[in-house]
mmCIF file of all heavy atoms, coordinates in Angstrom:
data_MODEL
# 
_entry.id   MODEL 
# 
loop_
_atom_site.group_PDB 
_atom_site.id 
_atom_site.type_symbol 
_atom_site.label_atom_id 
_atom_site.label_alt_id 
_atom_site.label_comp_id 
_atom_site.label_asym_id 
_atom_site.label_entity_id 
_atom_site.label_seq_id 
_atom_site.pdbx_PDB_ins_code 
_atom_site.Cartn_x 
_atom_site.Cartn_y 
_atom_site.Cartn_z 
_atom_site.occupancy 
_atom_site.B_iso_or_equiv 
_atom_site.pdbx_formal_charge 
_atom_site.auth_seq_id 
_atom_site.auth_comp_id 
_atom_site.auth_asym_id 
_atom_site.auth_atom_id 
_atom_site.pdbx_PDB_model_num 
ATOM 1   N N   . GLY A 1 1  ? 16.986 25.698 7.193   1.00 0.00 ? 1  GLY A N   1 
ATOM 2   C CA  . GLY A 1 1  ? 18.279 26.083 6.657   1.00 0.00 ? 1  GLY A CA  1 
ATOM 3   C C   . GLY A 1 1  ? 18.974 25.001 5.865   1.00 0.00 ? 1  GLY A C   1 
ATOM 4   O O   . GLY A 1 1  ? 19.984 25.281 5.204   1.00 0.00 ? 1  GLY A O   1 
ATOM 5   N N   . GLY A 1 2  ? 18.445 23.799 5.903   1.00 0.00 ? 2  GLY A N   1 
ATOM 6   C CA  . GLY A 1 2  ? 19.050 22.687 5.201   1.00 0.00 ? 2  GLY A CA  1 
ATOM 7   C C   . GLY A 1 2  ? 18.687 22.655 3.731   1.00 0.00 ? 2  GLY A C   1 
ATOM 8   O O   . GLY A 1 2  ? 17.963 23.505 3.218   1.00 0.00 ? 2  GLY A O   1 
ATOM 9   N N   . SER A 1 3  ? 19.193 21.627 3.055   1.00 0.00 ? 3  SER A N   1 
ATOM 10  C CA  . SER A 1 3  ? 19.004 21.476 1.616   1.00 0.00 ? 3  SER A CA  1 
ATOM 11  C C   . SER A 1 3  ? 18.565 20.064 1.275   1.00 0.00 ? 3  SER A C   1 
ATOM 12  O O   . SER A 1 3  ? 18.887 19.099 1.986   1.00 0.00 ? 3  SER A O   1 
ATOM 13  C CB  . SER A 1 3  ? 20.301 21.786 0.859   1.00 0.00 ? 3  SER A CB  1 
ATOM 14  O OG  . SER A 1 3  ? 20.721 23.116 1.057   1.00 0.00 ? 3  SER A OG  1 
ATOM 15  N N   . LEU A 1 4  ? 17.835 19.950 0.189   1.00 0.00 ? 4  LEU A N   1 
ATOM 16  C CA  . LEU A 1 4  ? 17.451 18.677 -0.386  1.00 0.00 ? 4  LEU A CA  1 
ATOM 17  C C   . LEU A 1 4  ? 17.481 18.796 -1.897  1.00 0.00 ? 4  LEU A C   1 
ATOM 18  O O   . LEU A 1 4  ? 17.301 19.884 -2.439  1.00 0.00 ? 4  LEU A O   1 
ATOM 19  C CB  . LEU A 1 4  ? 16.039 18.258 0.038   1.00 0.00 ? 4  LEU A CB  1 
ATOM 20  C CG  . LEU A 1 4  ? 15.802 17.769 1.460   1.00 0.00 ? 4  LEU A CG  1 
ATOM 21  C CD1 . LEU A 1 4  ? 14.302 17.585 1.685   1.00 0.00 ? 4  LEU A CD1 1 
ATOM 22  C CD2 . LEU A 1 4  ? 16.541 16.469 1.722   1.00 0.00 ? 4  LEU A CD2 1 
ATOM 23  N N   . ARG A 1 5  ? 17.678 17.679 -2.563  1.00 0.00 ? 5  ARG A N   1 
ATOM 24  C CA  . ARG A 1 5  ? 17.539 17.616 -4.009  1.00 0.00 ? 5  ARG A CA  1 
ATOM 25  C C   . ARG A 1 5  ? 16.521 16.552 -4.358  1.00 0.00 ? 5  ARG A C   1 
ATOM 26  O O   . ARG A 1 5  ? 16.718 15.373 -4.041  1.00 0.00 ? 5  ARG A O   1 
ATOM 27  C CB  . ARG A 1 5  ? 18.858 17.321 -4.718  1.00 0.00 ? 5  ARG A CB  1 
ATOM 28  C CG  . ARG A 1 5  ? 18.727 17.473 -6.245  1.00 0.00 ? 5  ARG A CG  1 
ATOM 29  C CD  . ARG A 1 5  ? 19.996 17.150 -7.008  1.00 0.00 ? 5  ARG A CD  1 
ATOM 30  N NE  . ARG A 1 5  ? 20.245 15.720 -7.095  1.00 0.00 ? 5  ARG A NE  1 
ATOM 31  C CZ  . ARG A 1 5  ? 21.020 15.147 -8.010  1.00 0.00 ? 5  ARG A CZ  1 
ATOM 32  N NH1 . ARG A 1 5  ? 21.633 15.894 -8.923  1.00 0.00 ? 5  ARG A NH1 1 
ATOM 33  N NH2 . ARG A 1 5  ? 21.202 13.840 -8.000  1.00 0.00 ? 5  ARG A NH2 1 
ATOM 34  N N   . LEU A 1 6  ? 15.447 16.975 -5.001  1.00 0.00 ? 6  LEU A N   1 
ATOM 35  C CA  . LEU A 1 6  ? 14.435 16.059 -5.476  1.00 0.00 ? 6  LEU A CA  1 
ATOM 36  C C   . LEU A 1 6  ? 14.741 15.631 -6.904  1.00 0.00 ? 6  LEU A C   1 
ATOM 37  O O   . LEU A 1 6  ? 15.244 16.417 -7.704  1.00 0.00 ? 6  LEU A O   1 
ATOM 38  C CB  . LEU A 1 6  ? 13.050 16.706 -5.433  1.00 0.00 ? 6  LEU A CB  1 
ATOM 39  C CG  . LEU A 1 6  ? 12.592 17.295 -4.093  1.00 0.00 ? 6  LEU A CG  1 
ATOM 40  C CD1 . LEU A 1 6  ? 11.167 17.821 -4.217  1.00 0.00 ? 6  LEU A CD1 1 
ATOM 41  C CD2 . LEU A 1 6  ? 12.692 16.264 -2.979  1.00 0.00 ? 6  LEU A CD2 1 
ATOM 42  N N   . SER A 1 7  ? 14.425 14.387 -7.206  1.00 0.00 ? 7  SER A N   1 
ATOM 43  C CA  . SER A 1 7  ? 14.577 13.861 -8.553  1.00 0.00 ? 7  SER A CA  1 
ATOM 44  C C   . SER A 1 7  ? 13.241 13.341 -9.048  1.00 0.00 ? 7  SER A C   1 
ATOM 45  O O   . SER A 1 7  ? 12.433 12.841 -8.270  1.00 0.00 ? 7  SER A O   1 
ATOM 46  C CB  . SER A 1 7  ? 15.610 12.730 -8.589  1.00 0.00 ? 7  SER A CB  1 
ATOM 47  O OG  . SER A 1 7  ? 16.888 13.188 -8.210  1.00 0.00 ? 7  SER A OG  1 
ATOM 48  N N   . CYS A 1 8  ? 13.024 13.452 -10.335 1.00 0.00 ? 8  CYS A N   1 
ATOM 49  C CA  . CYS A 1 8  ? 11.824 12.932 -10.983 1.00 0.00 ? 8  CYS A CA  1 
ATOM 50  C C   . CYS A 1 8  ? 12.271 12.140 -12.192 1.00 0.00 ? 8  CYS A C   1 
ATOM 51  O O   . CYS A 1 8  ? 12.735 12.718 -13.187 1.00 0.00 ? 8  CYS A O   1 
ATOM 52  C CB  . CYS A 1 8  ? 10.891 14.074 -11.381 1.00 0.00 ? 8  CYS A CB  1 
ATOM 53  S SG  . CYS A 1 8  ? 9.457  13.563 -12.357 1.00 0.00 ? 8  CYS A SG  1 
ATOM 54  N N   . ALA A 1 9  ? 12.149 10.829 -12.100 1.00 0.00 ? 9  ALA A N   1 
ATOM 55  C CA  . ALA A 1 9  ? 12.559 9.943  -13.175 1.00 0.00 ? 9  ALA A CA  1 
ATOM 56  C C   . ALA A 1 9  ? 11.346 9.534  -13.998 1.00 0.00 ? 9  ALA A C   1 
ATOM 57  O O   . ALA A 1 9  ? 10.369 9.011  -13.460 1.00 0.00 ? 9  ALA A O   1 
ATOM 58  C CB  . ALA A 1 9  ? 13.252 8.709  -12.609 1.00 0.00 ? 9  ALA A CB  1 
ATOM 59  N N   . ALA A 1 10 ? 11.414 9.776  -15.292 1.00 0.00 ? 10 ALA A N   1 
ATOM 60  C CA  . ALA A 1 10 ? 10.322 9.451  -16.198 1.00 0.00 ? 10 ALA A CA  1 
ATOM 61  C C   . ALA A 1 10 ? 10.590 8.133  -16.901 1.00 0.00 ? 10 ALA A C   1 
ATOM 62  O O   . ALA A 1 10 ? 11.732 7.798  -17.227 1.00 0.00 ? 10 ALA A O   1 
ATOM 63  C CB  . ALA A 1 10 ? 10.128 10.554 -17.230 1.00 0.00 ? 10 ALA A CB  1 
ATOM 64  N N   . SER A 1 11 ? 9.526  7.391  -17.146 1.00 0.00 ? 11 SER A N   1 
ATOM 65  C CA  . SER A 1 11 ? 9.613  6.165  -17.924 1.00 0.00 ? 11 SER A CA  1 
ATOM 66  C C   . SER A 1 11 ? 8.347  6.018  -18.750 1.00 0.00 ? 11 SER A C   1 
ATOM 67  O O   . SER A 1 11 ? 7.300  6.553  -18.408 1.00 0.00 ? 11 SER A O   1 
ATOM 68  C CB  . SER A 1 11 ? 9.823  4.939  -17.025 1.00 0.00 ? 11 SER A CB  1 
ATOM 69  O OG  . SER A 1 11 ? 8.755  4.795  -16.101 1.00 0.00 ? 11 SER A OG  1 
ATOM 70  N N   . GLY A 1 12 ? 8.456  5.296  -19.843 1.00 0.00 ? 12 GLY A N   1 
ATOM 71  C CA  . GLY A 1 12 ? 7.327  5.102  -20.731 1.00 0.00 ? 12 GLY A CA  1 
ATOM 72  C C   . GLY A 1 12 ? 7.132  6.212  -21.739 1.00 0.00 ? 12 GLY A C   1 
ATOM 73  O O   . GLY A 1 12 ? 6.274  6.091  -22.631 1.00 0.00 ? 12 GLY A O   1 
ATOM 74  N N   . PHE A 1 13 ? 7.870  7.285  -21.612 1.00 0.00 ? 13 PHE A N   1 
ATOM 75  C CA  . PHE A 1 13 ? 7.855  8.382  -22.574 1.00 0.00 ? 13 PHE A CA  1 
ATOM 76  C C   . PHE A 1 13 ? 9.144  9.160  -22.435 1.00 0.00 ? 13 PHE A C   1 
ATOM 77  O O   . PHE A 1 13 ? 9.883  8.980  -21.464 1.00 0.00 ? 13 PHE A O   1 
ATOM 78  C CB  . PHE A 1 13 ? 6.630  9.293  -22.385 1.00 0.00 ? 13 PHE A CB  1 
ATOM 79  C CG  . PHE A 1 13 ? 6.704  10.184 -21.179 1.00 0.00 ? 13 PHE A CG  1 
ATOM 80  C CD1 . PHE A 1 13 ? 6.939  11.547 -21.322 1.00 0.00 ? 13 PHE A CD1 1 
ATOM 81  C CD2 . PHE A 1 13 ? 6.528  9.674  -19.910 1.00 0.00 ? 13 PHE A CD2 1 
ATOM 82  C CE1 . PHE A 1 13 ? 6.992  12.378 -20.212 1.00 0.00 ? 13 PHE A CE1 1 
ATOM 83  C CE2 . PHE A 1 13 ? 6.589  10.490 -18.791 1.00 0.00 ? 13 PHE A CE2 1 
ATOM 84  C CZ  . PHE A 1 13 ? 6.819  11.844 -18.940 1.00 0.00 ? 13 PHE A CZ  1 
ATOM 85  N N   . THR A 1 14 ? 9.397  10.020 -23.389 1.00 0.00 ? 14 THR A N   1 
ATOM 86  C CA  . THR A 1 14 ? 10.613 10.817 -23.420 1.00 0.00 ? 14 THR A CA  1 
ATOM 87  C C   . THR A 1 14 ? 10.265 12.258 -23.079 1.00 0.00 ? 14 THR A C   1 
ATOM 88  O O   . THR A 1 14 ? 9.426  12.871 -23.730 1.00 0.00 ? 14 THR A O   1 
ATOM 89  C CB  . THR A 1 14 ? 11.277 10.742 -24.804 1.00 0.00 ? 14 THR A CB  1 
ATOM 90  O OG1 . THR A 1 14 ? 11.597 9.382  -25.099 1.00 0.00 ? 14 THR A OG1 1 
ATOM 91  C CG2 . THR A 1 14 ? 12.551 11.571 -24.836 1.00 0.00 ? 14 THR A CG2 1 
ATOM 92  N N   . ILE A 1 15 ? 10.937 12.804 -22.067 1.00 0.00 ? 15 ILE A N   1 
ATOM 93  C CA  . ILE A 1 15 ? 10.547 14.115 -21.562 1.00 0.00 ? 15 ILE A CA  1 
ATOM 94  C C   . ILE A 1 15 ? 11.011 15.264 -22.451 1.00 0.00 ? 15 ILE A C   1 
ATOM 95  O O   . ILE A 1 15 ? 10.626 16.410 -22.208 1.00 0.00 ? 15 ILE A O   1 
ATOM 96  C CB  . ILE A 1 15 ? 11.059 14.350 -20.132 1.00 0.00 ? 15 ILE A CB  1 
ATOM 97  C CG1 . ILE A 1 15 ? 12.590 14.499 -20.113 1.00 0.00 ? 15 ILE A CG1 1 
ATOM 98  C CG2 . ILE A 1 15 ? 10.602 13.242 -19.193 1.00 0.00 ? 15 ILE A CG2 1 
ATOM 99  C CD1 . ILE A 1 15 ? 13.126 15.023 -18.797 1.00 0.00 ? 15 ILE A CD1 1 
ATOM 100 N N   . SER A 1 16 ? 11.802 14.985 -23.455 1.00 0.00 ? 16 SER A N   1 
ATOM 101 C CA  . SER A 1 16 ? 12.372 16.063 -24.265 1.00 0.00 ? 16 SER A CA  1 
ATOM 102 C C   . SER A 1 16 ? 11.323 16.935 -24.935 1.00 0.00 ? 16 SER A C   1 
ATOM 103 O O   . SER A 1 16 ? 11.594 18.099 -25.244 1.00 0.00 ? 16 SER A O   1 
ATOM 104 C CB  . SER A 1 16 ? 13.323 15.491 -25.320 1.00 0.00 ? 16 SER A CB  1 
ATOM 105 O OG  . SER A 1 16 ? 12.644 14.597 -26.186 1.00 0.00 ? 16 SER A OG  1 
ATOM 106 N N   . SER A 1 17 ? 10.123 16.401 -25.162 1.00 0.00 ? 17 SER A N   1 
ATOM 107 C CA  . SER A 1 17 ? 9.058  17.156 -25.796 1.00 0.00 ? 17 SER A CA  1 
ATOM 108 C C   . SER A 1 17 ? 8.140  17.853 -24.791 1.00 0.00 ? 17 SER A C   1 
ATOM 109 O O   . SER A 1 17 ? 7.155  18.472 -25.193 1.00 0.00 ? 17 SER A O   1 
ATOM 110 C CB  . SER A 1 17 ? 8.218  16.246 -26.686 1.00 0.00 ? 17 SER A CB  1 
ATOM 111 O OG  . SER A 1 17 ? 9.001  15.677 -27.720 1.00 0.00 ? 17 SER A OG  1 
ATOM 112 N N   . TYR A 1 18 ? 8.449  17.761 -23.503 1.00 0.00 ? 18 TYR A N   1 
ATOM 113 C CA  . TYR A 1 18 ? 7.569  18.237 -22.448 1.00 0.00 ? 18 TYR A CA  1 
ATOM 114 C C   . TYR A 1 18 ? 8.214  19.338 -21.627 1.00 0.00 ? 18 TYR A C   1 
ATOM 115 O O   . TYR A 1 18 ? 9.411  19.284 -21.323 1.00 0.00 ? 18 TYR A O   1 
ATOM 116 C CB  . TYR A 1 18 ? 7.202  17.097 -21.492 1.00 0.00 ? 18 TYR A CB  1 
ATOM 117 C CG  . TYR A 1 18 ? 6.354  16.014 -22.102 1.00 0.00 ? 18 TYR A CG  1 
ATOM 118 C CD1 . TYR A 1 18 ? 6.906  15.067 -22.959 1.00 0.00 ? 18 TYR A CD1 1 
ATOM 119 C CD2 . TYR A 1 18 ? 4.999  15.937 -21.814 1.00 0.00 ? 18 TYR A CD2 1 
ATOM 120 C CE1 . TYR A 1 18 ? 6.125  14.076 -23.526 1.00 0.00 ? 18 TYR A CE1 1 
ATOM 121 C CE2 . TYR A 1 18 ? 4.211  14.943 -22.366 1.00 0.00 ? 18 TYR A CE2 1 
ATOM 122 C CZ  . TYR A 1 18 ? 4.779  14.014 -23.220 1.00 0.00 ? 18 TYR A CZ  1 
ATOM 123 O OH  . TYR A 1 18 ? 3.995  13.028 -23.765 1.00 0.00 ? 18 TYR A OH  1 
ATOM 124 N N   . SER A 1 19 ? 7.413  20.331 -21.269 1.00 0.00 ? 19 SER A N   1 
ATOM 125 C CA  . SER A 1 19 ? 7.824  21.190 -20.181 1.00 0.00 ? 19 SER A CA  1 
ATOM 126 C C   . SER A 1 19 ? 7.666  20.404 -18.887 1.00 0.00 ? 19 SER A C   1 
ATOM 127 O O   . SER A 1 19 ? 6.742  19.609 -18.734 1.00 0.00 ? 19 SER A O   1 
ATOM 128 C CB  . SER A 1 19 ? 7.011  22.483 -20.142 1.00 0.00 ? 19 SER A CB  1 
ATOM 129 O OG  . SER A 1 19 ? 5.652  22.215 -19.860 1.00 0.00 ? 19 SER A OG  1 
ATOM 130 N N   . MET A 1 20 ? 8.583  20.620 -17.955 1.00 0.00 ? 20 MET A N   1 
ATOM 131 C CA  . MET A 1 20 ? 8.589  19.887 -16.697 1.00 0.00 ? 20 MET A CA  1 
ATOM 132 C C   . MET A 1 20 ? 8.444  20.866 -15.542 1.00 0.00 ? 20 MET A C   1 
ATOM 133 O O   . MET A 1 20 ? 9.075  21.929 -15.536 1.00 0.00 ? 20 MET A O   1 
ATOM 134 C CB  . MET A 1 20 ? 9.878  19.080 -16.548 1.00 0.00 ? 20 MET A CB  1 
ATOM 135 C CG  . MET A 1 20 ? 10.121 18.073 -17.660 1.00 0.00 ? 20 MET A CG  1 
ATOM 136 S SD  . MET A 1 20 ? 8.863  16.753 -17.714 1.00 0.00 ? 20 MET A SD  1 
ATOM 137 C CE  . MET A 1 20 ? 9.156  15.930 -16.152 1.00 0.00 ? 20 MET A CE  1 
ATOM 138 N N   . SER A 1 21 ? 7.632  20.485 -14.568 1.00 0.00 ? 21 SER A N   1 
ATOM 139 C CA  . SER A 1 21 ? 7.344  21.373 -13.450 1.00 0.00 ? 21 SER A CA  1 
ATOM 140 C C   . SER A 1 21 ? 7.361  20.613 -12.138 1.00 0.00 ? 21 SER A C   1 
ATOM 141 O O   . SER A 1 21 ? 7.151  19.396 -12.097 1.00 0.00 ? 21 SER A O   1 
ATOM 142 C CB  . SER A 1 21 ? 5.972  22.035 -13.613 1.00 0.00 ? 21 SER A CB  1 
ATOM 143 O OG  . SER A 1 21 ? 5.894  22.799 -14.795 1.00 0.00 ? 21 SER A OG  1 
ATOM 144 N N   . TRP A 1 22 ? 7.599  21.357 -11.076 1.00 0.00 ? 22 TRP A N   1 
ATOM 145 C CA  . TRP A 1 22 ? 7.395  20.892 -9.717  1.00 0.00 ? 22 TRP A CA  1 
ATOM 146 C C   . TRP A 1 22 ? 6.271  21.713 -9.091  1.00 0.00 ? 22 TRP A C   1 
ATOM 147 O O   . TRP A 1 22 ? 6.297  22.947 -9.140  1.00 0.00 ? 22 TRP A O   1 
ATOM 148 C CB  . TRP A 1 22 ? 8.660  21.026 -8.868  1.00 0.00 ? 22 TRP A CB  1 
ATOM 149 C CG  . TRP A 1 22 ? 9.736  20.060 -9.224  1.00 0.00 ? 22 TRP A CG  1 
ATOM 150 C CD1 . TRP A 1 22 ? 10.777 20.269 -10.071 1.00 0.00 ? 22 TRP A CD1 1 
ATOM 151 C CD2 . TRP A 1 22 ? 9.864  18.728 -8.732  1.00 0.00 ? 22 TRP A CD2 1 
ATOM 152 N NE1 . TRP A 1 22 ? 11.568 19.148 -10.141 1.00 0.00 ? 22 TRP A NE1 1 
ATOM 153 C CE2 . TRP A 1 22 ? 11.030 18.185 -9.329  1.00 0.00 ? 22 TRP A CE2 1 
ATOM 154 C CE3 . TRP A 1 22 ? 9.137  17.935 -7.849  1.00 0.00 ? 22 TRP A CE3 1 
ATOM 155 C CZ2 . TRP A 1 22 ? 11.469 16.882 -9.066  1.00 0.00 ? 22 TRP A CZ2 1 
ATOM 156 C CZ3 . TRP A 1 22 ? 9.573  16.650 -7.595  1.00 0.00 ? 22 TRP A CZ3 1 
ATOM 157 C CH2 . TRP A 1 22 ? 10.720 16.130 -8.193  1.00 0.00 ? 22 TRP A CH2 1 
ATOM 158 N N   . TYR A 1 23 ? 5.299  21.026 -8.540  1.00 0.00 ? 23 TYR A N   1 
ATOM 159 C CA  . TYR A 1 23 ? 4.222  21.622 -7.777  1.00 0.00 ? 23 TYR A CA  1 
ATOM 160 C C   . TYR A 1 23 ? 4.306  21.139 -6.335  1.00 0.00 ? 23 TYR A C   1 
ATOM 161 O O   . TYR A 1 23 ? 4.935  20.123 -6.048  1.00 0.00 ? 23 TYR A O   1 
ATOM 162 C CB  . TYR A 1 23 ? 2.850  21.234 -8.337  1.00 0.00 ? 23 TYR A CB  1 
ATOM 163 C CG  . TYR A 1 23 ? 2.486  21.867 -9.661  1.00 0.00 ? 23 TYR A CG  1 
ATOM 164 C CD1 . TYR A 1 23 ? 2.988  21.377 -10.854 1.00 0.00 ? 23 TYR A CD1 1 
ATOM 165 C CD2 . TYR A 1 23 ? 1.607  22.948 -9.707  1.00 0.00 ? 23 TYR A CD2 1 
ATOM 166 C CE1 . TYR A 1 23 ? 2.643  21.938 -12.069 1.00 0.00 ? 23 TYR A CE1 1 
ATOM 167 C CE2 . TYR A 1 23 ? 1.245  23.515 -10.920 1.00 0.00 ? 23 TYR A CE2 1 
ATOM 168 C CZ  . TYR A 1 23 ? 1.759  23.012 -12.094 1.00 0.00 ? 23 TYR A CZ  1 
ATOM 169 O OH  . TYR A 1 23 ? 1.398  23.573 -13.299 1.00 0.00 ? 23 TYR A OH  1 
ATOM 170 N N   . ARG A 1 24 ? 3.644  21.848 -5.441  1.00 0.00 ? 24 ARG A N   1 
ATOM 171 C CA  . ARG A 1 24 ? 3.555  21.378 -4.075  1.00 0.00 ? 24 ARG A CA  1 
ATOM 172 C C   . ARG A 1 24 ? 2.190  21.718 -3.491  1.00 0.00 ? 24 ARG A C   1 
ATOM 173 O O   . ARG A 1 24 ? 1.537  22.663 -3.917  1.00 0.00 ? 24 ARG A O   1 
ATOM 174 C CB  . ARG A 1 24 ? 4.656  21.964 -3.189  1.00 0.00 ? 24 ARG A CB  1 
ATOM 175 C CG  . ARG A 1 24 ? 4.566  23.464 -2.957  1.00 0.00 ? 24 ARG A CG  1 
ATOM 176 C CD  . ARG A 1 24 ? 5.788  23.949 -2.187  1.00 0.00 ? 24 ARG A CD  1 
ATOM 177 N NE  . ARG A 1 24 ? 5.726  25.375 -1.906  1.00 0.00 ? 24 ARG A NE  1 
ATOM 178 C CZ  . ARG A 1 24 ? 6.711  26.076 -1.370  1.00 0.00 ? 24 ARG A CZ  1 
ATOM 179 N NH1 . ARG A 1 24 ? 7.858  25.471 -1.043  1.00 0.00 ? 24 ARG A NH1 1 
ATOM 180 N NH2 . ARG A 1 24 ? 6.563  27.376 -1.149  1.00 0.00 ? 24 ARG A NH2 1 
ATOM 181 N N   . ARG A 1 25 ? 1.771  20.912 -2.525  1.00 0.00 ? 25 ARG A N   1 
ATOM 182 C CA  . ARG A 1 25 ? 0.518  21.151 -1.834  1.00 0.00 ? 25 ARG A CA  1 
ATOM 183 C C   . ARG A 1 25 ? 0.713  20.903 -0.344  1.00 0.00 ? 25 ARG A C   1 
ATOM 184 O O   . ARG A 1 25 ? 1.193  19.844 0.057   1.00 0.00 ? 25 ARG A O   1 
ATOM 185 C CB  . ARG A 1 25 ? -0.594 20.249 -2.356  1.00 0.00 ? 25 ARG A CB  1 
ATOM 186 C CG  . ARG A 1 25 ? -1.960 20.573 -1.739  1.00 0.00 ? 25 ARG A CG  1 
ATOM 187 C CD  . ARG A 1 25 ? -3.012 19.541 -2.107  1.00 0.00 ? 25 ARG A CD  1 
ATOM 188 N NE  . ARG A 1 25 ? -3.336 19.542 -3.527  1.00 0.00 ? 25 ARG A NE  1 
ATOM 189 C CZ  . ARG A 1 25 ? -4.237 20.320 -4.102  1.00 0.00 ? 25 ARG A CZ  1 
ATOM 190 N NH1 . ARG A 1 25 ? -4.919 21.211 -3.366  1.00 0.00 ? 25 ARG A NH1 1 
ATOM 191 N NH2 . ARG A 1 25 ? -4.473 20.241 -5.391  1.00 0.00 ? 25 ARG A NH2 1 
ATOM 192 N N   . ALA A 1 26 ? 0.358  21.892 0.447   1.00 0.00 ? 26 ALA A N   1 
ATOM 193 C CA  . ALA A 1 26 ? 0.372  21.786 1.896   1.00 0.00 ? 26 ALA A CA  1 
ATOM 194 C C   . ALA A 1 26 ? -1.067 21.800 2.393   1.00 0.00 ? 26 ALA A C   1 
ATOM 195 O O   . ALA A 1 26 ? -1.951 22.360 1.737   1.00 0.00 ? 26 ALA A O   1 
ATOM 196 C CB  . ALA A 1 26 ? 1.157  22.935 2.518   1.00 0.00 ? 26 ALA A CB  1 
ATOM 197 N N   . PRO A 1 27 ? -1.331 21.191 3.554   1.00 0.00 ? 27 PRO A N   1 
ATOM 198 C CA  . PRO A 1 27 ? -2.690 21.205 4.099   1.00 0.00 ? 27 PRO A CA  1 
ATOM 199 C C   . PRO A 1 27 ? -3.234 22.620 4.237   1.00 0.00 ? 27 PRO A C   1 
ATOM 200 O O   . PRO A 1 27 ? -2.548 23.517 4.726   1.00 0.00 ? 27 PRO A O   1 
ATOM 201 C CB  . PRO A 1 27 ? -2.535 20.537 5.470   1.00 0.00 ? 27 PRO A CB  1 
ATOM 202 C CG  . PRO A 1 27 ? -1.331 19.662 5.319   1.00 0.00 ? 27 PRO A CG  1 
ATOM 203 C CD  . PRO A 1 27 ? -0.409 20.424 4.410   1.00 0.00 ? 27 PRO A CD  1 
ATOM 204 N N   . GLY A 1 28 ? -4.468 22.815 3.775   1.00 0.00 ? 28 GLY A N   1 
ATOM 205 C CA  . GLY A 1 28 ? -5.095 24.112 3.867   1.00 0.00 ? 28 GLY A CA  1 
ATOM 206 C C   . GLY A 1 28 ? -4.673 25.110 2.812   1.00 0.00 ? 28 GLY A C   1 
ATOM 207 O O   . GLY A 1 28 ? -5.093 26.272 2.878   1.00 0.00 ? 28 GLY A O   1 
# 
């Protein structure tokens, strides 16, 4: 029931030209 906010900070390139995604993987 709780909440979290994840952040993804990019460096070495500019994200404006990129689609950005979040993926996840759980065991199995």
